[in-house]
Amino acid sequence: MRNVAETWKTDELNVIREHKVIIAYLSKCFAISKRAVRPKVRPGLRQVAFRLKRESEVGPFSQILEDGRTSR
């Protein structure tokens, strides 16, 4: 988590909280026939999300989610 926070130039606590939300979301998505509401980006990470979107980078969690959707 520290490496991610350093790469994103943000607070480690924001990354830990976001990780917790993402893991809960992914577990709901992969539950048998259960759909979950996509979580909102935390205010502390919005600038990072905008930058990643501009650079067209697909993060590891987004990749897992996309792979899961295509395999169903």
PDB file of N, CA and C in Angstrom:
ATOM      1  N   MET A   1       0.825  -1.186   0.000  1.00  0.00           N
ATOM      2  CA  MET A   1       0.000   0.000   0.000  1.00  0.00           C
ATOM      3  C   MET A   1       0.876   1.259   0.000  1.00  0.00           C
ATOM      4  N   ARG A   2       1.992   1.179   0.685  1.00  0.00           N
ATOM      5  CA  ARG A   2       2.888   2.340   0.712  1.00  0.00           C
ATOM      6  C   ARG A   2       3.428   2.655  -0.673  1.00  0.00           C
ATOM      7  N   ASN A   3       3.775   1.618  -1.411  1.00  0.00           N
ATOM      8  CA  ASN A   3       4.298   1.832  -2.768  1.00  0.00           C
ATOM      9  C   ASN A   3       3.251   2.482  -3.664  1.00  0.00           C
ATOM     10  N   VAL A   4       2.029   2.031  -3.544  1.00  0.00           N
ATOM     11  CA  VAL A   4       0.950   2.616  -4.346  1.00  0.00           C
ATOM     12  C   VAL A   4       0.755   4.069  -3.951  1.00  0.00           C
ATOM     13  N   ALA A   5       0.746   4.346  -2.650  1.00  0.00           N
ATOM     14  CA  ALA A   5       0.575   5.725  -2.183  1.00  0.00           C
ATOM     15  C   ALA A   5       1.713   6.615  -2.671  1.00  0.00           C
ATOM     16  N   GLU A   6       2.921   6.101  -2.656  1.00  0.00           N
ATOM     17  CA  GLU A   6       4.058   6.886  -3.140  1.00  0.00           C
ATOM     18  C   GLU A   6       3.958   7.116  -4.647  1.00  0.00           C
ATOM     19  N   THR A   7       3.561   6.102  -5.397  1.00  0.00           N
ATOM     20  CA  THR A   7       3.416   6.238  -6.842  1.00  0.00           C
ATOM     21  C   THR A   7       2.335   7.263  -7.180  1.00  0.00           C
ATOM     22  N   TRP A   8       1.230   7.205  -6.450  1.00  0.00           N
ATOM     23  CA  TRP A   8       0.124   8.124  -6.696  1.00  0.00           C
ATOM     24  C   TRP A   8       0.325   9.477  -6.028  1.00  0.00           C
ATOM     25  N   LYS A   9       1.375   9.591  -5.211  1.00  0.00           N
ATOM     26  CA  LYS A   9       1.660  10.827  -4.463  1.00  0.00           C
ATOM     27  C   LYS A   9       0.463  11.248  -3.625  1.00  0.00           C
ATOM     28  N   THR A  10      -0.019  10.321  -2.813  1.00  0.00           N
ATOM     29  CA  THR A  10      -1.163  10.583  -1.954  1.00  0.00           C
ATOM     30  C   THR A  10      -0.944   9.925  -0.598  1.00  0.00           C
ATOM     31  N   ASP A  11      -1.889  10.124   0.277  1.00  0.00           N
ATOM     32  CA  ASP A  11      -1.822   9.603   1.635  1.00  0.00           C
ATOM     33  C   ASP A  11      -2.047   8.091   1.644  1.00  0.00           C
ATOM     34  N   GLU A  12      -1.260   7.391   2.442  1.00  0.00           N
ATOM     35  CA  GLU A  12      -1.383   5.933   2.526  1.00  0.00           C
ATOM     36  C   GLU A  12      -2.747   5.518   3.065  1.00  0.00           C
ATOM     37  N   LEU A  13      -3.304   6.289   3.977  1.00  0.00           N
ATOM     38  CA  LEU A  13      -4.605   5.966   4.559  1.00  0.00           C
ATOM     39  C   LEU A  13      -5.709   5.992   3.497  1.00  0.00           C
ATOM     40  N   ASN A  14      -5.635   6.933   2.553  1.00  0.00           N
ATOM     41  CA  ASN A  14      -6.601   6.967   1.449  1.00  0.00           C
ATOM     42  C   ASN A  14      -6.532   5.689   0.623  1.00  0.00           C
ATOM     43  N   VAL A  15      -5.326   5.234   0.364  1.00  0.00           N
ATOM     44  CA  VAL A  15      -5.138   4.020  -0.440  1.00  0.00           C
ATOM     45  C   VAL A  15      -5.689   2.808   0.308  1.00  0.00           C
ATOM     46  N   ILE A  16      -5.439   2.728   1.597  1.00  0.00           N
ATOM     47  CA  ILE A  16      -5.938   1.600   2.397  1.00  0.00           C
ATOM     48  C   ILE A  16      -7.458   1.594   2.419  1.00  0.00           C
ATOM     49  N   ARG A  17      -8.064   2.746   2.616  1.00  0.00           N
ATOM     50  CA  ARG A  17      -9.538   2.822   2.635  1.00  0.00           C
ATOM     51  C   ARG A  17     -10.125   2.449   1.282  1.00  0.00           C
ATOM     52  N   GLU A  18      -9.510   2.951   0.214  1.00  0.00           N
ATOM     53  CA  GLU A  18     -10.003   2.637  -1.130  1.00  0.00           C
ATOM     54  C   GLU A  18      -9.860   1.144  -1.421  1.00  0.00           C
ATOM     55  N   HIS A  19      -8.770   0.563  -0.991  1.00  0.00           N
ATOM     56  CA  HIS A  19      -8.541  -0.871  -1.176  1.00  0.00           C
ATOM     57  C   HIS A  19      -9.641  -1.672  -0.494  1.00  0.00           C
ATOM     58  N   LYS A  20     -10.002  -1.278   0.699  1.00  0.00           N
ATOM     59  CA  LYS A  20     -11.063  -1.976   1.448  1.00  0.00           C
ATOM     60  C   LYS A  20     -12.394  -1.909   0.697  1.00  0.00           C
ATOM     61  N   VAL A  21     -12.717  -0.740   0.167  1.00  0.00           N
ATOM     62  CA  VAL A  21     -13.966  -0.571  -0.590  1.00  0.00           C
ATOM     63  C   VAL A  21     -13.941  -1.408  -1.863  1.00  0.00           C
ATOM     64  N   ILE A  22     -12.808  -1.400  -2.551  1.00  0.00           N
ATOM     65  CA  ILE A  22     -12.688  -2.150  -3.804  1.00  0.00           C
ATOM     66  C   ILE A  22     -12.805  -3.652  -3.556  1.00  0.00           C
ATOM     67  N   ILE A  23     -12.166  -4.145  -2.519  1.00  0.00           N
ATOM     68  CA  ILE A  23     -12.240  -5.578  -2.213  1.00  0.00           C
ATOM     69  C   ILE A  23     -13.674  -5.984  -1.880  1.00  0.00           C
ATOM     70  N   ALA A  24     -14.382  -5.165  -1.109  1.00  0.00           N
ATOM     71  CA  ALA A  24     -15.790  -5.458  -0.788  1.00  0.00           C
ATOM     72  C   ALA A  24     -16.627  -5.465  -2.063  1.00  0.00           C
ATOM     73  N   TYR A  25     -16.376  -4.518  -2.950  1.00  0.00           N
ATOM     74  CA  TYR A  25     -17.112  -4.437  -4.211  1.00  0.00           C
ATOM     75  C   TYR A  25     -16.844  -5.659  -5.091  1.00  0.00           C
ATOM     76  N   LEU A  26     -15.574  -6.044  -5.212  1.00  0.00           N
ATOM     77  CA  LEU A  26     -15.229  -7.203  -6.034  1.00  0.00           C
ATOM     78  C   LEU A  26     -15.830  -8.483  -5.475  1.00  0.00           C
ATOM     79  N   SER A  27     -15.849  -8.623  -4.156  1.00  0.00           N
ATOM     80  CA  SER A  27     -16.426  -9.836  -3.572  1.00  0.00           C
ATOM     81  C   SER A  27     -17.925  -9.904  -3.850  1.00  0.00           C
ATOM     82  N   LYS A  28     -18.608  -8.748  -3.843  1.00  0.00           N
ATOM     83  CA  LYS A  28     -20.035  -8.737  -4.177  1.00  0.00           C
ATOM     84  C   LYS A  28     -20.251  -9.054  -5.650  1.00  0.00           C
ATOM     85  N   CYS A  29     -19.376  -8.529  -6.509  1.00  0.00           N
ATOM     86  CA  CYS A  29     -19.522  -8.753  -7.954  1.00  0.00           C
ATOM     87  C   CYS A  29     -19.325 -10.217  -8.324  1.00  0.00           C
ATOM     88  N   PHE A  30     -18.433 -10.890  -7.626  1.00  0.00           N
ATOM     89  CA  PHE A  30     -18.155 -12.277  -7.964  1.00  0.00           C
ATOM     90  C   PHE A  30     -19.006 -13.269  -7.193  1.00  0.00           C
ATOM     91  N   ALA A  31     -19.886 -12.761  -6.319  1.00  0.00           N
ATOM     92  CA  ALA A  31     -20.826 -13.648  -5.649  1.00  0.00           C
ATOM     93  C   ALA A  31     -21.797 -14.177  -6.700  1.00  0.00           C
ATOM     94  N   ILE A  32     -22.353 -15.310  -6.455  1.00  0.00           N
ATOM     95  CA  ILE A  32     -23.235 -15.939  -7.442  1.00  0.00           C
ATOM     96  C   ILE A  32     -24.435 -15.040  -7.725  1.00  0.00           C
ATOM     97  N   SER A  33     -24.547 -14.648  -8.982  1.00  0.00           N
ATOM     98  CA  SER A  33     -25.648 -13.832  -9.525  1.00  0.00           C
ATOM     99  C   SER A  33     -25.991 -12.629  -8.658  1.00  0.00           C
ATOM    100  N   LYS A  34     -24.989 -11.938  -8.168  1.00  0.00           N
ATOM    101  CA  LYS A  34     -25.258 -10.748  -7.365  1.00  0.00           C
ATOM    102  C   LYS A  34     -24.593  -9.552  -8.031  1.00  0.00           C
ATOM    103  N   ARG A  35     -25.335  -8.473  -8.175  1.00  0.00           N
ATOM    104  CA  ARG A  35     -24.788  -7.253  -8.743  1.00  0.00           C
ATOM    105  C   ARG A  35     -24.580  -6.239  -7.630  1.00  0.00           C
ATOM    106  N   ALA A  36     -23.545  -5.456  -7.762  1.00  0.00           N
ATOM    107  CA  ALA A  36     -23.232  -4.446  -6.761  1.00  0.00           C
ATOM    108  C   ALA A  36     -23.157  -3.077  -7.417  1.00  0.00           C
ATOM    109  N   VAL A  37     -23.416  -2.057  -6.627  1.00  0.00           N
ATOM    110  CA  VAL A  37     -23.317  -0.688  -7.106  1.00  0.00           C
ATOM    111  C   VAL A  37     -21.845  -0.308  -7.129  1.00  0.00           C
ATOM    112  N   ARG A  38     -21.384   0.221  -8.254  1.00  0.00           N
ATOM    113  CA  ARG A  38     -19.983   0.602  -8.402  1.00  0.00           C
ATOM    114  C   ARG A  38     -19.648   1.697  -7.385  1.00  0.00           C
ATOM    115  N   PRO A  39     -18.575   1.518  -6.620  1.00  0.00           N
ATOM    116  CA  PRO A  39     -18.234   2.520  -5.593  1.00  0.00           C
ATOM    117  C   PRO A  39     -17.734   3.817  -6.211  1.00  0.00           C
ATOM    118  N   LYS A  40     -17.942   4.910  -5.480  1.00  0.00           N
ATOM    119  CA  LYS A  40     -17.455   6.213  -5.926  1.00  0.00           C
ATOM    120  C   LYS A  40     -16.003   6.362  -5.509  1.00  0.00           C
ATOM    121  N   VAL A  41     -15.274   7.164  -6.236  1.00  0.00           N
ATOM    122  CA  VAL A  41     -13.872   7.421  -5.930  1.00  0.00           C
ATOM    123  C   VAL A  41     -13.814   8.350  -4.713  1.00  0.00           C
ATOM    124  N   ARG A  42     -12.939   8.010  -3.785  1.00  0.00           N
ATOM    125  CA  ARG A  42     -12.773   8.832  -2.591  1.00  0.00           C
ATOM    126  C   ARG A  42     -12.267  10.219  -2.989  1.00  0.00           C
ATOM    127  N   PRO A  43     -12.707  11.257  -2.282  1.00  0.00           N
ATOM    128  CA  PRO A  43     -12.282  12.616  -2.630  1.00  0.00           C
ATOM    129  C   PRO A  43     -10.763  12.788  -2.669  1.00  0.00           C
ATOM    130  N   GLY A  44     -10.046  12.117  -1.793  1.00  0.00           N
ATOM    131  CA  GLY A  44      -8.597  12.240  -1.770  1.00  0.00           C
ATOM    132  C   GLY A  44      -7.900  11.613  -2.962  1.00  0.00           C
ATOM    133  N   LEU A  45      -8.625  10.768  -3.707  1.00  0.00           N
ATOM    134  CA  LEU A  45      -8.018  10.071  -4.843  1.00  0.00           C
ATOM    135  C   LEU A  45      -8.615  10.492  -6.187  1.00  0.00           C
ATOM    136  N   ARG A  46      -9.458  11.504  -6.187  1.00  0.00           N
ATOM    137  CA  ARG A  46     -10.089  11.926  -7.447  1.00  0.00           C
ATOM    138  C   ARG A  46      -9.066  12.389  -8.473  1.00  0.00           C
ATOM    139  N   GLN A  47      -8.075  13.154  -8.038  1.00  0.00           N
ATOM    140  CA  GLN A  47      -7.067  13.636  -8.980  1.00  0.00           C
ATOM    141  C   GLN A  47      -6.284  12.473  -9.582  1.00  0.00           C
ATOM    142  N   VAL A  48      -6.017  11.464  -8.780  1.00  0.00           N
ATOM    143  CA  VAL A  48      -5.318  10.275  -9.276  1.00  0.00           C
ATOM    144  C   VAL A  48      -6.194   9.557 -10.302  1.00  0.00           C
ATOM    145  N   ALA A  49      -7.482   9.434  -9.999  1.00  0.00           N
ATOM    146  CA  ALA A  49      -8.405   8.765 -10.923  1.00  0.00           C
ATOM    147  C   ALA A  49      -8.489   9.516 -12.248  1.00  0.00           C
ATOM    148  N   PHE A  50      -8.552  10.846 -12.186  1.00  0.00           N
ATOM    149  CA  PHE A  50      -8.603  11.642 -13.416  1.00  0.00           C
ATOM    150  C   PHE A  50      -7.327  11.458 -14.228  1.00  0.00           C
ATOM    151  N   ARG A  51      -6.180  11.451 -13.547  1.00  0.00           N
ATOM    152  CA  ARG A  51      -4.900  11.293 -14.253  1.00  0.00           C
ATOM    153  C   ARG A  51      -4.811   9.925 -14.908  1.00  0.00           C
ATOM    154  N   LEU A  52      -5.226   8.875 -14.196  1.00  0.00           N
ATOM    155  CA  LEU A  52      -5.187   7.528 -14.765  1.00  0.00           C
ATOM    156  C   LEU A  52      -6.124   7.406 -15.959  1.00  0.00           C
ATOM    157  N   LYS A  53      -7.281   8.068 -15.874  1.00  0.00           N
ATOM    158  CA  LYS A  53      -8.220   8.032 -16.990  1.00  0.00           C
ATOM    159  C   LYS A  53      -7.650   8.750 -18.215  1.00  0.00           C
ATOM    160  N   ARG A  54      -7.003   9.893 -17.982  1.00  0.00           N
ATOM    161  CA  ARG A  54      -6.400  10.637 -19.092  1.00  0.00           C
ATOM    162  C   ARG A  54      -5.299   9.828 -19.764  1.00  0.00           C
ATOM    163  N   GLU A  55      -4.522   9.109 -18.963  1.00  0.00           N
ATOM    164  CA  GLU A  55      -3.420   8.312 -19.495  1.00  0.00           C
ATOM    165  C   GLU A  55      -3.894   6.967 -20.039  1.00  0.00           C
ATOM    166  N   SER A  56      -5.186   6.708 -19.924  1.00  0.00           N
ATOM    167  CA  SER A  56      -5.805   5.469 -20.401  1.00  0.00           C
ATOM    168  C   SER A  56      -5.188   4.226 -19.775  1.00  0.00           C
ATOM    169  N   GLU A  57      -4.769   4.351 -18.538  1.00  0.00           N
ATOM    170  CA  GLU A  57      -4.242   3.189 -17.827  1.00  0.00           C
ATOM    171  C   GLU A  57      -5.399   2.413 -17.214  1.00  0.00           C
ATOM    172  N   VAL A  58      -5.351   1.114 -17.342  1.00  0.00           N
ATOM    173  CA  VAL A  58      -6.327   0.259 -16.689  1.00  0.00           C
ATOM    174  C   VAL A  58      -5.645  -0.316 -15.459  1.00  0.00           C
ATOM    175  N   GLY A  59      -6.207   0.005 -14.307  1.00  0.00           N
ATOM    176  CA  GLY A  59      -5.617  -0.460 -13.061  1.00  0.00           C
ATOM    177  C   GLY A  59      -5.831  -1.946 -12.867  1.00  0.00           C
ATOM    178  N   PRO A  60      -5.123  -2.535 -11.930  1.00  0.00           N
ATOM    179  CA  PRO A  60      -5.239  -3.980 -11.716  1.00  0.00           C
ATOM    180  C   PRO A  60      -6.627  -4.408 -11.267  1.00  0.00           C
ATOM    181  N   PHE A  61      -7.293  -3.605 -10.447  1.00  0.00           N
ATOM    182  CA  PHE A  61      -8.633  -3.972 -10.004  1.00  0.00           C
ATOM    183  C   PHE A  61      -9.634  -3.859 -11.143  1.00  0.00           C
ATOM    184  N   SER A  62      -9.501  -2.835 -11.968  1.00  0.00           N
ATOM    185  CA  SER A  62     -10.382  -2.697 -13.126  1.00  0.00           C
ATOM    186  C   SER A  62     -10.178  -3.853 -14.095  1.00  0.00           C
ATOM    187  N   GLN A  63      -8.938  -4.279 -14.257  1.00  0.00           N
ATOM    188  CA  GLN A  63      -8.639  -5.403 -15.141  1.00  0.00           C
ATOM    189  C   GLN A  63      -9.294  -6.682 -14.636  1.00  0.00           C
ATOM    190  N   ILE A  64      -9.220  -6.924 -13.350  1.00  0.00           N
ATOM    191  CA  ILE A  64      -9.865  -8.102 -12.752  1.00  0.00           C
ATOM    192  C   ILE A  64     -11.354  -8.060 -12.980  1.00  0.00           C
ATOM    193  N   LEU A  65     -11.938  -6.895 -12.779  1.00  0.00           N
ATOM    194  CA  LEU A  65     -13.381  -6.742 -12.952  1.00  0.00           C
ATOM    195  C   LEU A  65     -13.773  -6.976 -14.398  1.00  0.00           C
ATOM    196  N   GLU A  66     -13.042  -6.405 -15.345  1.00  0.00           N
ATOM    197  CA  GLU A  66     -13.334  -6.602 -16.751  1.00  0.00           C
ATOM    198  C   GLU A  66     -13.168  -8.054 -17.163  1.00  0.00           C
ATOM    199  N   ASP A  67     -12.121  -8.710 -16.677  1.00  0.00           N
ATOM    200  CA  ASP A  67     -11.914 -10.126 -16.990  1.00  0.00           C
ATOM    201  C   ASP A  67     -13.057 -10.971 -16.461  1.00  0.00           C
ATOM    202  N   GLY A  68     -13.540 -10.627 -15.281  1.00  0.00           N
ATOM    203  CA  GLY A  68     -14.667 -11.351 -14.681  1.00  0.00           C
ATOM    204  C   GLY A  68     -15.942 -11.181 -15.463  1.00  0.00           C
ATOM    205  N   ARG A  69     -16.148  -9.999 -15.997  1.00  0.00           N
ATOM    206  CA  ARG A  69     -17.365  -9.736 -16.771  1.00  0.00           C
ATOM    207  C   ARG A  69     -17.354 -10.479 -18.097  1.00  0.00           C
ATOM    208  N   THR A  70     -16.193 -10.566 -18.712  1.00  0.00           N
ATOM    209  CA  THR A  70     -16.138 -11.212 -20.017  1.00  0.00           C
ATOM    210  C   THR A  70     -16.180 -12.724 -19.909  1.00  0.00           C
ATOM    211  N   SER A  71     -15.816 -13.270 -18.763  1.00  0.00           N
ATOM    212  CA  SER A  71     -15.796 -14.722 -18.629  1.00  0.00           C
ATOM    213  C   SER A  71     -17.141 -15.297 -18.219  1.00  0.00           C
ATOM    214  N   ARG A  72     -18.089 -14.444 -17.868  1.00  0.00           N
ATOM    215  CA  ARG A  72     -19.397 -14.946 -17.429  1.00  0.00           C
ATOM    216  C   ARG A  72     -20.273 -15.315 -18.576  1.00  0.00           C
TER     217      ARG A  72
END
